[in-house]
C-alpha atoms as a PDB file:
ATOM      1  CA  MET A   1     293.993  66.751-197.315  1.00  0.00           C
ATOM      2  CA  PRO A   2     292.755  70.295-196.612  1.00  0.00           C
ATOM      3  CA  GLU A   3     294.740  72.944-198.380  1.00  0.00           C
ATOM      4  CA  GLN A   4     296.707  75.556-196.484  1.00  0.00           C
ATOM      5  CA  THR A   5     295.682  79.154-196.486  1.00  0.00           C
ATOM      6  CA  ILE A   6     297.508  82.135-195.181  1.00  0.00           C
ATOM      7  CA  MET A   7     295.589  84.215-192.673  1.00  0.00           C
ATOM      8  CA  GLU A   8     296.418  87.759-191.682  1.00  0.00           C
ATOM      9  CA  LEU A   9     295.993  88.347-187.957  1.00  0.00           C
ATOM     10  CA  ARG A  10     296.374  91.435-185.797  1.00  0.00           C
ATOM     11  CA  ILE A  11     297.186  90.935-182.119  1.00  0.00           C
ATOM     12  CA  LEU A  12     298.184  93.813-179.812  1.00  0.00           C
ATOM     13  CA  ASP A  13     298.688  96.217-182.732  1.00  0.00           C
ATOM     14  CA  THR A  14     301.007  93.734-184.440  1.00  0.00           C
ATOM     15  CA  GLU A  15     300.106  92.195-187.775  1.00  0.00           C
ATOM     16  CA  PHE A  16     301.411  88.818-188.864  1.00  0.00           C
ATOM     17  CA  ASN A  17     300.576  86.011-191.264  1.00  0.00           C
ATOM     18  CA  LEU A  18     299.678  82.479-190.207  1.00  0.00           C
ATOM     19  CA  LYS A  19     299.394  79.319-192.293  1.00  0.00           C
ATOM     20  CA  ALA A  20     296.104  77.579-191.536  1.00  0.00           C
ATOM     21  CA  LYS A  21     294.802  74.164-192.533  1.00  0.00           C
ATOM     22  CA  GLY A  22     291.012  74.547-192.602  1.00  0.00           C
ATOM     23  CA  ASN A  23     288.730  75.914-189.891  1.00  0.00           C
ATOM     24  CA  GLU A  24     289.804  79.502-190.290  1.00  0.00           C
ATOM     25  CA  GLU A  25     286.856  80.595-188.204  1.00  0.00           C
ATOM     26  CA  HIS A  26     288.233  78.748-185.187  1.00  0.00           C
ATOM     27  CA  ILE A  27     291.666  80.310-185.623  1.00  0.00           C
ATOM     28  CA  LYS A  28     290.049  83.735-185.907  1.00  0.00           C
ATOM     29  CA  HIS A  29     288.086  83.088-182.747  1.00  0.00           C
ATOM     30  CA  VAL A  30     291.267  82.058-180.835  1.00  0.00           C
ATOM     31  CA  SER A  31     293.195  85.115-182.073  1.00  0.00           C
ATOM     32  CA  ASP A  32     290.271  87.404-181.097  1.00  0.00           C
ATOM     33  CA  TYR A  33     290.267  85.865-177.616  1.00  0.00           C
ATOM     34  CA  VAL A  34     294.054  86.299-177.188  1.00  0.00           C
ATOM     35  CA  ASN A  35     293.902  89.867-178.501  1.00  0.00           C
ATOM     36  CA  ALA A  36     290.984  90.747-176.161  1.00  0.00           C
ATOM     37  CA  GLU A  37     292.930  89.369-173.165  1.00  0.00           C
ATOM     38  CA  LEU A  38     296.088  91.245-174.123  1.00  0.00           C
ATOM     39  CA  GLU A  39     294.142  94.470-174.659  1.00  0.00           C
ATOM     40  CA  ARG A  40     292.568  94.032-171.203  1.00  0.00           C
ATOM     41  CA  VAL A  41     296.058  93.571-169.632  1.00  0.00           C
ATOM     42  CA  LYS A  42     297.338  96.595-171.576  1.00  0.00           C
ATOM     43  CA  ALA A  43     294.390  98.706-170.367  1.00  0.00           C
ATOM     44  CA  ALA A  44     295.132  97.707-166.756  1.00  0.00           C
ATOM     45  CA  ASN A  45     298.887  98.365-167.216  1.00  0.00           C
ATOM     46  CA  PRO A  46     299.147 101.171-169.820  1.00  0.00           C
ATOM     47  CA  PHE A  47     302.857 101.860-169.310  1.00  0.00           C
ATOM     48  CA  THR A  48     304.028  98.242-169.592  1.00  0.00           C
ATOM     49  CA  ASN A  49     305.911  97.040-172.675  1.00  0.00           C
ATOM     50  CA  HIS A  50     304.466  94.485-175.142  1.00  0.00           C
ATOM     51  CA  ILE A  51     306.579  91.587-173.868  1.00  0.00           C
ATOM     52  CA  ARG A  52     305.330  92.039-170.296  1.00  0.00           C
ATOM     53  CA  ILE A  53     301.754  92.431-171.578  1.00  0.00           C
ATOM     54  CA  ALA A  54     302.182  89.226-173.612  1.00  0.00           C
ATOM     55  CA  ILE A  55     303.599  87.352-170.584  1.00  0.00           C
ATOM     56  CA  LEU A  56     300.831  88.603-168.247  1.00  0.00           C
ATOM     57  CA  GLY A  57     298.202  87.763-170.873  1.00  0.00           C
ATOM     58  CA  CYS A  58     299.693  84.268-171.328  1.00  0.00           C
ATOM     59  CA  MET A  59     299.645  83.756-167.563  1.00  0.00           C
ATOM     60  CA  ASN A  60     295.991  84.869-167.366  1.00  0.00           C
ATOM     61  CA  ILE A  61     295.007  82.565-170.237  1.00  0.00           C
ATOM     62  CA  THR A  62     297.074  79.717-168.731  1.00  0.00           C
ATOM     63  CA  GLU A  63     295.392  80.239-165.354  1.00  0.00           C
ATOM     64  CA  ARG A  64     291.970  79.986-167.054  1.00  0.00           C
ATOM     65  CA  LEU A  65     293.212  76.869-168.844  1.00  0.00           C
ATOM     66  CA  PHE A  66     294.292  75.291-165.537  1.00  0.00           C
ATOM     67  CA  ILE A  67     290.970  76.203-163.925  1.00  0.00           C
ATOM     68  CA  ALA A  68     289.119  74.739-166.925  1.00  0.00           C
ATOM     69  CA  GLU A  69     291.268  71.576-166.783  1.00  0.00           C
ATOM     70  CA  GLU A  70     290.538  71.268-163.031  1.00  0.00           C
ATOM     71  CA  GLU A  71     286.827  71.707-163.723  1.00  0.00           C
ATOM     72  CA  VAL A  72     287.036  69.063-166.447  1.00  0.00           C
ATOM     73  CA  ARG A  73     288.902  66.711-164.079  1.00  0.00           C
ATOM     74  CA  THR A  74     286.365  67.361-161.306  1.00  0.00           C
ATOM     75  CA  SER A  75     283.552  66.900-163.785  1.00  0.00           C
ATOM     76  CA  GLU A  76     285.059  63.608-164.968  1.00  0.00           C
ATOM     77  CA  GLU A  77     285.452  62.419-161.364  1.00  0.00           C
ATOM     78  CA  PHE A  78     281.866  63.413-160.700  1.00  0.00           C
ATOM     79  CA  LYS A  79     280.843  61.619-163.875  1.00  0.00           C
ATOM     80  CA  VAL A  80     282.695  58.473-162.755  1.00  0.00           C
ATOM     81  CA  LYS A  81     281.056  58.732-159.314  1.00  0.00           C
ATOM     82  CA  GLU A  82     277.635  59.234-160.877  1.00  0.00           C
ATOM     83  CA  SER A  83     278.335  56.356-163.241  1.00  0.00           C
ATOM     84  CA  GLY A  84     279.041  54.137-160.227  1.00  0.00           C
ATOM     85  CA  GLU A  85     275.875  55.350-158.533  1.00  0.00           C
ATOM     86  CA  ILE A  86     273.933  54.749-161.731  1.00  0.00           C
ATOM     87  CA  LYS A  87     275.377  51.240-161.846  1.00  0.00           C
ATOM     88  CA  LEU A  88     274.218  50.665-158.241  1.00  0.00           C
ATOM     89  CA  VAL A  89     270.791  52.058-159.080  1.00  0.00           C
ATOM     90  CA  LYS A  90     270.611  49.797-162.138  1.00  0.00           C
ATOM     91  CA  GLU A  91     271.540  46.775-160.004  1.00  0.00           C
ATOM     92  CA  GLU A  92     268.914  47.757-157.441  1.00  0.00           C
ATOM     93  CA  LEU A  93     266.406  48.263-160.242  1.00  0.00           C
ATOM     94  CA  LYS A  94     267.235  44.805-161.605  1.00  0.00           C
ATOM     95  CA  LYS A  95     266.701  43.278-158.148  1.00  0.00           C
ATOM     96  CA  THR A  96     263.446  45.179-157.823  1.00  0.00           C
ATOM     97  CA  ASN A  97     262.356  43.989-161.266  1.00  0.00           C
ATOM     98  CA  ASP A  98     263.197  40.410-160.279  1.00  0.00           C
ATOM     99  CA  ILE A  99     261.141  40.770-157.092  1.00  0.00           C
ATOM    100  CA  LEU A 100     258.349  42.343-159.127  1.00  0.00           C
ATOM    101  CA  ALA A 101     258.440  39.420-161.571  1.00  0.00           C
ATOM    102  CA  GLU A 102     258.224  36.962-158.657  1.00  0.00           C
ATOM    103  CA  GLU A 103     255.337  38.899-157.128  1.00  0.00           C
ATOM    104  CA  LYS A 104     253.614  39.025-160.516  1.00  0.00           C
ATOM    105  CA  ALA A 105     253.932  35.250-160.803  1.00  0.00           C
ATOM    106  CA  LYS A 106     252.513  34.853-157.286  1.00  0.00           C
ATOM    107  CA  TYR A 107     249.709  37.242-158.172  1.00  0.00           C
ATOM    108  CA  GLU A 108     248.887  35.315-161.351  1.00  0.00           C
ATOM    109  CA  THR A 109     248.858  32.077-159.355  1.00  0.00           C
ATOM    110  CA  LEU A 110     246.533  33.677-156.808  1.00  0.00           C
ATOM    111  CA  VAL A 111     244.289  34.927-159.604  1.00  0.00           C
ATOM    112  CA  GLU A 112     244.112  31.408-161.069  1.00  0.00           C
ATOM    113  CA  GLU A 113     243.394  29.912-157.643  1.00  0.00           C
ATOM    114  CA  THR A 114     240.757  32.589-157.053  1.00  0.00           C
ATOM    115  CA  GLU A 115     239.103  31.738-160.360  1.00  0.00           C
ATOM    116  CA  ILE A 116     239.093  28.031-159.458  1.00  0.00           C
ATOM    117  CA  LEU A 117     237.688  28.788-156.009  1.00  0.00           C
ATOM    118  CA  GLN A 118     235.095  31.102-157.559  1.00  0.00           C
ATOM    119  CA  LYS A 119     234.000  28.303-159.904  1.00  0.00           C
ATOM    120  CA  GLU A 120     233.757  25.914-156.950  1.00  0.00           C
ATOM    121  CA  LEU A 121     231.814  28.521-154.995  1.00  0.00           C
ATOM    122  CA  ASP A 122     229.470  29.045-157.936  1.00  0.00           C
ATOM    123  CA  GLU A 123     228.936  25.270-158.173  1.00  0.00           C
ATOM    124  CA  LYS A 124     228.286  25.068-154.412  1.00  0.00           C
ATOM    125  CA  ASN A 125     225.895  28.015-154.656  1.00  0.00           C
ATOM    126  CA  ASP A 126     224.062  26.285-157.524  1.00  0.00           C
ATOM    127  CA  LEU A 127     223.853  23.097-155.468  1.00  0.00           C
ATOM    128  CA  LEU A 128     222.673  25.096-152.456  1.00  0.00           C
ATOM    129  CA  ALA A 129     220.031  26.753-154.610  1.00  0.00           C
ATOM    130  CA  GLN A 130     218.893  23.311-155.797  1.00  0.00           C
ATOM    131  CA  TYR A 131     218.714  22.066-152.164  1.00  0.00           C
ATOM    132  CA  ARG A 132     216.796  25.164-151.152  1.00  0.00           C
ATOM    133  CA  GLU A 133     214.352  24.634-154.005  1.00  0.00           C
ATOM    134  CA  HIS A 134     214.000  20.953-153.048  1.00  0.00           C
ATOM    135  CA  LEU A 135     213.457  21.974-149.408  1.00  0.00           C
ATOM    136  CA  ARG A 136     210.873  24.556-150.464  1.00  0.00           C
ATOM    137  CA  GLN A 137     209.017  21.937-152.523  1.00  0.00           C
ATOM    138  CA  SER A 138     209.298  19.470-149.636  1.00  0.00           C
ATOM    139  CA  LYS A 139     207.811  22.083-147.299  1.00  0.00           C
ATOM    140  CA  ILE A 140     204.978  22.680-149.753  1.00  0.00           C
ATOM    141  CA  GLU A 141     204.384  18.918-150.039  1.00  0.00           C
ATOM    142  CA  SER A 142     204.632  18.576-146.263  1.00  0.00           C
ATOM    143  CA  GLU A 143     202.142  21.400-145.779  1.00  0.00           C
ATOM    144  CA  THR A 144     199.825  19.813-148.351  1.00  0.00           C
ATOM    145  CA  SER A 145     200.199  16.427-146.637  1.00  0.00           C
ATOM    146  CA  ARG A 146     199.561  18.016-143.228  1.00  0.00           C
ATOM    147  CA  LYS A 147     196.393  19.648-144.593  1.00  0.00           C
ATOM    148  CA  THR A 148     195.360  16.331-146.120  1.00  0.00           C
ATOM    149  CA  ILE A 149     196.000  14.554-142.813  1.00  0.00           C
ATOM    150  CA  LEU A 150     194.003  17.214-140.956  1.00  0.00           C
ATOM    151  CA  ASP A 151     191.189  16.835-143.468  1.00  0.00           C
ATOM    152  CA  LEU A 152     191.310  13.056-143.056  1.00  0.00           C
ATOM    153  CA  GLN A 153     191.384  13.406-139.266  1.00  0.00           C
ATOM    154  CA  ASN A 154     188.376  15.741-139.469  1.00  0.00           C
ATOM    155  CA  GLN A 155     186.580  13.251-141.702  1.00  0.00           C
ATOM    156  CA  LEU A 156     187.511  10.434-139.312  1.00  0.00           C
ATOM    157  CA  PHE A 157     186.276  12.478-136.381  1.00  0.00           C
ATOM    158  CA  GLU A 158     183.046  13.280-138.200  1.00  0.00           C
ATOM    159  CA  SER A 159     182.716   9.616-139.153  1.00  0.00           C
ATOM    160  CA  GLN A 160     183.239   8.618-135.535  1.00  0.00           C
ATOM    161  CA  ILE A 161     180.621  11.160-134.459  1.00  0.00           C
ATOM    162  CA  GLU A 162     178.194   9.741-137.026  1.00  0.00           C
ATOM    163  CA  LEU A 163     179.075   6.221-135.891  1.00  0.00           C
ATOM    164  CA  VAL A 164     178.455   7.192-132.273  1.00  0.00           C
ATOM    165  CA  LYS A 165     175.152   8.787-133.317  1.00  0.00           C
ATOM    166  CA  ALA A 166     174.297   5.711-135.340  1.00  0.00           C
ATOM    167  CA  ASN A 167     175.225   3.437-132.415  1.00  0.00           C
ATOM    168  CA  LYS A 168     173.241   5.674-130.095  1.00  0.00           C
ATOM    169  CA  ASN A 169     170.257   5.470-132.416  1.00  0.00           C
ATOM    170  CA  HIS A 170     170.722   1.748-132.743  1.00  0.00           C
ATOM    171  CA  ILE A 171     171.063   1.337-128.972  1.00  0.00           C
ATOM    172  CA  GLU A 172     168.064   3.586-128.447  1.00  0.00           C
ATOM    173  CA  LYS A 173     166.119   1.540-130.987  1.00  0.00           C
ATOM    174  CA  ASP A 174     167.260  -1.652-129.268  1.00  0.00           C
ATOM    175  CA  VAL A 175     166.337  -0.192-125.887  1.00  0.00           C
ATOM    176  CA  PHE A 176     162.957   0.922-127.217  1.00  0.00           C
ATOM    177  CA  LYS A 177     162.482  -2.430-128.873  1.00  0.00           C
ATOM    178  CA  SER A 178     163.400  -4.263-125.706  1.00  0.00           C
ATOM    179  CA  ILE A 179     161.092  -1.958-123.761  1.00  0.00           C
ATOM    180  CA  GLU A 180     158.433  -2.560-126.345  1.00  0.00           C
ATOM    181  CA  ASP A 181     159.096  -6.254-126.211  1.00  0.00           C
ATOM    182  CA  LYS A 182     158.855  -6.191-122.446  1.00  0.00           C
ATOM    183  CA  MET A 183     155.749  -4.208-122.676  1.00  0.00           C
ATOM    184  CA  LYS A 184     154.287  -6.649-125.042  1.00  0.00           C
ATOM    185  CA  LEU A 185     155.178  -9.444-122.738  1.00  0.00           C
ATOM    186  CA  ASP A 186     153.588  -7.861-119.838  1.00  0.00           C
END
């Protein structure tokens, strides 16, 4: 238990002793405030007695107290109102976070589906590349076969020409031989 001390105070030119339990600085601050207010009232009303000065000073201090209490009450009401608004904002934030979580899940699902589709697309592109390569090789083979066929057709044509020439020569020889034979017979 804090021990009591006796403090000497001077308010409105009157000295008196006060028993204090700790926090003497606070008591000194309060007495300085009261004395300053009473001195201000005395300066405004220099011919008024000490009792009237004390009553006017008490009324001024009480008015400030009431104003301060009203401000505290208003502040507390504002705090309660803000607290309610904060609660609403927190609820809205929770709803928004829930929606965000749902959208995140949808996004992750879409990312997974995109990856699967990308793999399928890559596989299809690989298959397409293989088909294109096969088609390219088939075109090359087809072109080679076409050239071979043309070469064979040319050879066949040349062979037919030679055959015609040979037949012509043979016919001519037969004609000459038959003419010769006829001539020999005649």
